[in-house]
Structure formats: C-alpha cells, structure tokens
N, C-alpha and C. Protein backbone atom coordinates (compact mmCIF):
# COMPACT_ATOMS: atom_id res chain seq x y z
N UNK A 1 131.96 64.72 78.05
CA UNK A 1 132.38 65.83 78.94
C UNK A 1 133.63 66.73 78.18
N UNK A 2 133.81 67.60 77.46
CA UNK A 2 135.29 68.74 77.36
C UNK A 2 135.98 68.66 78.15
N UNK A 3 137.18 68.34 78.16
CA UNK A 3 138.03 69.11 79.23
C UNK A 3 139.09 70.13 79.13
N UNK A 4 139.65 71.18 79.87
CA UNK A 4 140.22 72.05 79.32
C UNK A 4 141.79 71.38 79.76
N UNK A 5 142.92 71.30 78.92
CA UNK A 5 143.98 71.17 79.65
C UNK A 5 144.79 72.11 79.50
N UNK A 6 145.48 72.53 80.66
CA UNK A 6 146.75 73.89 80.59
C UNK A 6 148.18 73.93 80.64
N UNK A 7 148.79 74.55 80.22
CA UNK A 7 150.73 74.61 80.59
C UNK A 7 150.56 74.63 81.75
N UNK A 8 151.61 74.94 82.58
CA UNK A 8 152.13 75.16 83.80
C UNK A 8 151.85 76.56 83.66
N UNK A 9 152.59 77.29 82.98
CA UNK A 9 152.66 79.06 83.05
C UNK A 9 150.68 79.46 83.28
N UNK A 10 150.01 78.65 82.51
CA UNK A 10 148.53 78.98 82.01
C UNK A 10 147.95 78.34 83.45
N UNK A 11 147.93 77.53 84.20
CA UNK A 11 147.58 77.32 85.44
C UNK A 11 148.16 78.02 86.54
N UNK A 12 149.27 78.54 86.26
CA UNK A 12 149.60 79.73 87.43
C UNK A 12 148.93 81.18 87.23
N UNK A 13 148.70 81.45 85.99
CA UNK A 13 148.01 82.40 86.18
C UNK A 13 146.32 82.56 86.63
N UNK A 14 145.71 81.32 86.66
CA UNK A 14 144.39 81.21 86.95
C UNK A 14 144.45 80.65 88.47
N UNK A 15 145.48 80.25 89.33
CA UNK A 15 145.66 80.15 90.33
C UNK A 15 146.23 81.10 91.38
N UNK A 16 147.18 81.92 90.45
CA UNK A 16 147.99 82.84 91.37
C UNK A 16 149.37 82.26 91.81
N UNK A 17 149.92 81.52 91.07
CA UNK A 17 151.05 80.86 91.76
C UNK A 17 151.85 80.79 90.54
N UNK A 18 153.56 80.82 91.19
CA UNK A 18 154.57 80.84 90.21
C UNK A 18 154.52 79.54 89.66
N UNK A 19 154.95 79.33 88.21
CA UNK A 19 154.95 78.14 87.71
C UNK A 19 155.86 77.13 88.02
N UNK A 20 157.23 78.15 88.67
CA UNK A 20 158.06 77.25 89.51
C UNK A 20 157.23 76.54 90.79
N UNK A 21 156.52 76.89 91.47
CA UNK A 21 156.01 76.29 92.71
C UNK A 21 154.99 75.34 92.25
N UNK A 22 154.81 75.63 91.72
CA UNK A 22 153.20 74.49 91.22
C UNK A 22 154.06 73.34 90.83
N UNK A 23 155.35 73.21 90.15
CA UNK A 23 155.95 72.06 89.60
C UNK A 23 157.07 71.26 90.91
N UNK A 24 157.03 72.35 91.29
CA UNK A 24 158.45 71.80 92.86
C UNK A 24 157.53 71.31 94.05
N UNK A 25 156.38 72.30 94.05
CA UNK A 25 155.91 72.19 95.91
C UNK A 25 154.51 70.97 95.39
N UNK A 26 153.45 71.51 94.28
CA UNK A 26 151.93 70.99 94.53
C UNK A 26 151.84 69.88 93.64
N UNK A 27 153.14 69.49 92.37
CA UNK A 27 152.98 68.76 92.06
C UNK A 27 153.41 67.09 92.79
N UNK A 28 152.49 66.38 92.86
CA UNK A 28 152.55 64.77 93.81
C UNK A 28 152.21 65.28 94.62
N UNK A 29 152.19 66.23 95.48
CA UNK A 29 151.95 66.64 96.67
C UNK A 29 150.53 66.57 97.49
N UNK A 30 150.03 67.77 96.11
CA UNK A 30 148.53 68.28 96.03
C UNK A 30 147.75 67.35 94.63
N UNK A 31 148.20 68.22 93.74
CA UNK A 31 147.93 67.40 92.53
C UNK A 31 148.56 66.22 92.00
N UNK A 32 147.81 65.26 91.92
CA UNK A 32 147.94 63.69 91.39
C UNK A 32 148.07 63.37 90.13
N UNK A 33 149.00 62.53 89.75
CA UNK A 33 149.36 62.65 88.12
C UNK A 33 148.03 61.12 87.83
N UNK A 34 147.68 61.72 86.56
CA UNK A 34 146.51 60.61 86.32
C UNK A 34 145.20 61.43 86.67
N UNK A 35 145.00 62.45 87.36
CA UNK A 35 143.66 62.79 88.01
C UNK A 35 143.56 64.06 87.66
N UNK A 36 144.95 65.21 87.98
CA UNK A 36 145.06 66.44 88.00
C UNK A 36 145.69 66.83 86.85
N UNK A 37 146.54 66.04 86.48
CA UNK A 37 147.48 66.42 85.31
C UNK A 37 148.12 64.53 83.95
N UNK A 38 148.38 65.18 83.06
CA UNK A 38 148.86 64.02 82.66
C UNK A 38 149.97 64.56 81.90
N UNK A 39 150.98 63.42 81.46
CA UNK A 39 152.23 63.67 80.58
C UNK A 39 151.58 62.97 79.08
N UNK A 40 151.48 63.68 78.33
CA UNK A 40 150.81 63.27 77.01
C UNK A 40 152.45 62.52 76.34
N UNK A 41 152.02 61.02 75.95
CA UNK A 41 153.02 60.33 75.22
C UNK A 41 154.40 60.18 76.14
N UNK A 42 154.28 60.39 77.64
CA UNK A 42 155.19 59.79 78.13
C UNK A 42 156.43 60.76 78.49
N UNK A 43 156.23 61.87 77.81
CA UNK A 43 157.13 62.65 77.65
C UNK A 43 157.26 64.17 78.45
N UNK A 44 158.23 65.18 78.63
CA UNK A 44 158.53 65.81 79.60
C UNK A 44 157.25 66.84 80.07
N UNK A 45 156.54 67.35 78.75
CA UNK A 45 155.38 67.77 78.74
C UNK A 45 154.44 67.60 79.70
N UNK A 46 153.67 68.27 80.40
CA UNK A 46 152.74 68.41 81.60
C UNK A 46 151.36 69.25 80.91
N UNK A 47 150.54 68.55 81.00
CA UNK A 47 148.99 69.12 81.18
C UNK A 47 148.10 68.86 81.80
N UNK A 48 147.83 69.94 82.52
CA UNK A 48 146.65 70.17 84.06
C UNK A 48 145.25 70.17 83.36
N UNK A 49 144.82 69.54 83.93
CA UNK A 49 143.08 69.27 83.72
C UNK A 49 142.38 69.87 84.58
N UNK A 50 141.75 71.59 84.58
CA UNK A 50 141.62 72.36 84.87
C UNK A 50 140.39 72.01 85.43
N UNK A 51 138.94 71.45 85.15
CA UNK A 51 138.04 70.58 85.68
C UNK A 51 138.25 69.73 86.54
N UNK A 52 139.42 69.19 87.10
CA UNK A 52 139.61 67.93 88.17
C UNK A 52 140.43 69.11 88.95
N UNK A 53 140.99 69.80 88.95
CA UNK A 53 141.65 70.75 89.81
C UNK A 53 140.59 71.61 90.63
N UNK A 54 139.65 72.18 89.55
CA UNK A 54 138.59 72.99 90.27
C UNK A 54 137.80 72.25 90.89
N UNK A 55 137.54 71.09 90.54
CA UNK A 55 136.27 70.40 91.17
C UNK A 55 136.76 70.00 92.71
N UNK A 56 138.20 69.62 92.58
CA UNK A 56 138.65 69.29 93.88
C UNK A 56 138.82 70.58 95.03
N UNK A 57 139.20 71.77 93.95
CA UNK A 57 139.10 72.60 95.01
C UNK A 57 137.70 73.02 95.52
N UNK A 58 136.58 73.06 94.64
CA UNK A 58 135.50 73.30 95.73
C UNK A 58 134.91 72.37 96.60
N UNK A 59 134.94 71.03 96.61
CA UNK A 59 135.16 70.24 97.31
C UNK A 59 135.98 70.28 98.61
N UNK A 60 136.69 71.03 98.64
CA UNK A 60 138.28 71.30 100.06
C UNK A 60 137.45 72.36 100.61
N UNK A 61 136.88 73.32 100.17
CA UNK A 61 136.22 74.28 100.52
C UNK A 61 134.96 74.22 101.23
N UNK A 62 134.02 73.48 100.52
CA UNK A 62 132.79 73.01 101.00
C UNK A 62 133.02 72.29 102.34
N UNK A 63 134.16 71.08 102.56
CA UNK A 63 134.15 70.27 103.75
C UNK A 63 135.20 71.13 104.50
N UNK A 64 135.99 72.12 104.63
CA UNK A 64 136.81 72.33 105.35
C UNK A 64 138.41 71.78 105.07
N UNK A 65 138.17 70.77 104.83
CA UNK A 65 139.33 69.98 104.93
C UNK A 65 139.51 68.62 104.21
N UNK A 66 140.19 67.98 103.14
CA UNK A 66 140.08 66.99 102.45
C UNK A 66 141.00 66.95 102.13
N UNK A 67 141.63 65.48 101.86
CA UNK A 67 142.80 64.60 100.92
C UNK A 67 142.50 64.40 99.58
N UNK A 68 142.76 64.58 98.46
CA UNK A 68 142.03 63.95 97.60
C UNK A 68 143.33 62.66 97.09
N UNK A 69 142.45 61.74 96.83
CA UNK A 69 143.05 60.51 96.53
C UNK A 69 143.62 60.22 95.42
N UNK A 70 144.11 59.10 94.87
CA UNK A 70 144.86 58.89 93.53
C UNK A 70 143.46 58.22 92.41
N UNK A 71 142.61 57.88 93.02
CA UNK A 71 141.48 57.25 92.09
C UNK A 71 140.44 58.36 92.11
N UNK A 72 140.30 59.37 92.45
CA UNK A 72 139.61 60.57 92.63
C UNK A 72 138.65 60.57 93.75
N UNK A 73 138.70 59.93 94.64
CA UNK A 73 137.84 60.17 95.82
C UNK A 73 138.29 61.20 96.81
N UNK A 74 138.20 61.22 98.06
CA UNK A 74 138.46 62.17 99.25
C UNK A 74 138.55 61.67 100.43
N UNK A 75 139.32 62.32 100.92
CA UNK A 75 139.62 61.58 102.42
C UNK A 75 139.63 62.61 103.32
N UNK A 76 138.36 62.69 104.25
CA UNK A 76 138.35 63.53 104.99
C UNK A 76 138.79 63.39 106.35
N UNK A 77 140.08 64.30 106.90
CA UNK A 77 140.93 64.10 107.92
C UNK A 77 140.59 64.78 109.11
C-alpha cells in the first residue's frame, strides 16, 4: 500500500484549514501521532499520512460521531 505524505501546508490546502490551525488545534487532539502524522528521524518536520486522515474522516461521516483511538480503532460516543 502506497501512502501519501503531506506537509502541513499541503494538508491545509486539501482540508481548507490554515496550517497554523492544524498545528495548534488539530494535532494531538484530532490527529494522532503515529496514525495520522509522523516525525521522521525524530526531527521537527511533520509529515501527515493522507490515507489515514481521509479514512478516519469518512468513518466519522458514516457513523455520525466517532473518536479515533491511538492504535487505529474508533470509539463511538
């Protein structure tokens, strides 16, 4: 499976969010490190995994409300 890695700016263009909003609001609250984004080689740069973000977005739309869990599962609240 080929994954698409995006920078914060590229993700902002796809989601129609400001990159600053993604970094300050969505990271660690909605987007989970290891599932939705990675820090290659432990550095500052962040790469978002588009397929995982897109999958969780569609899952939330289908169920109405879902909380993504750290290991890839979903909690229906």
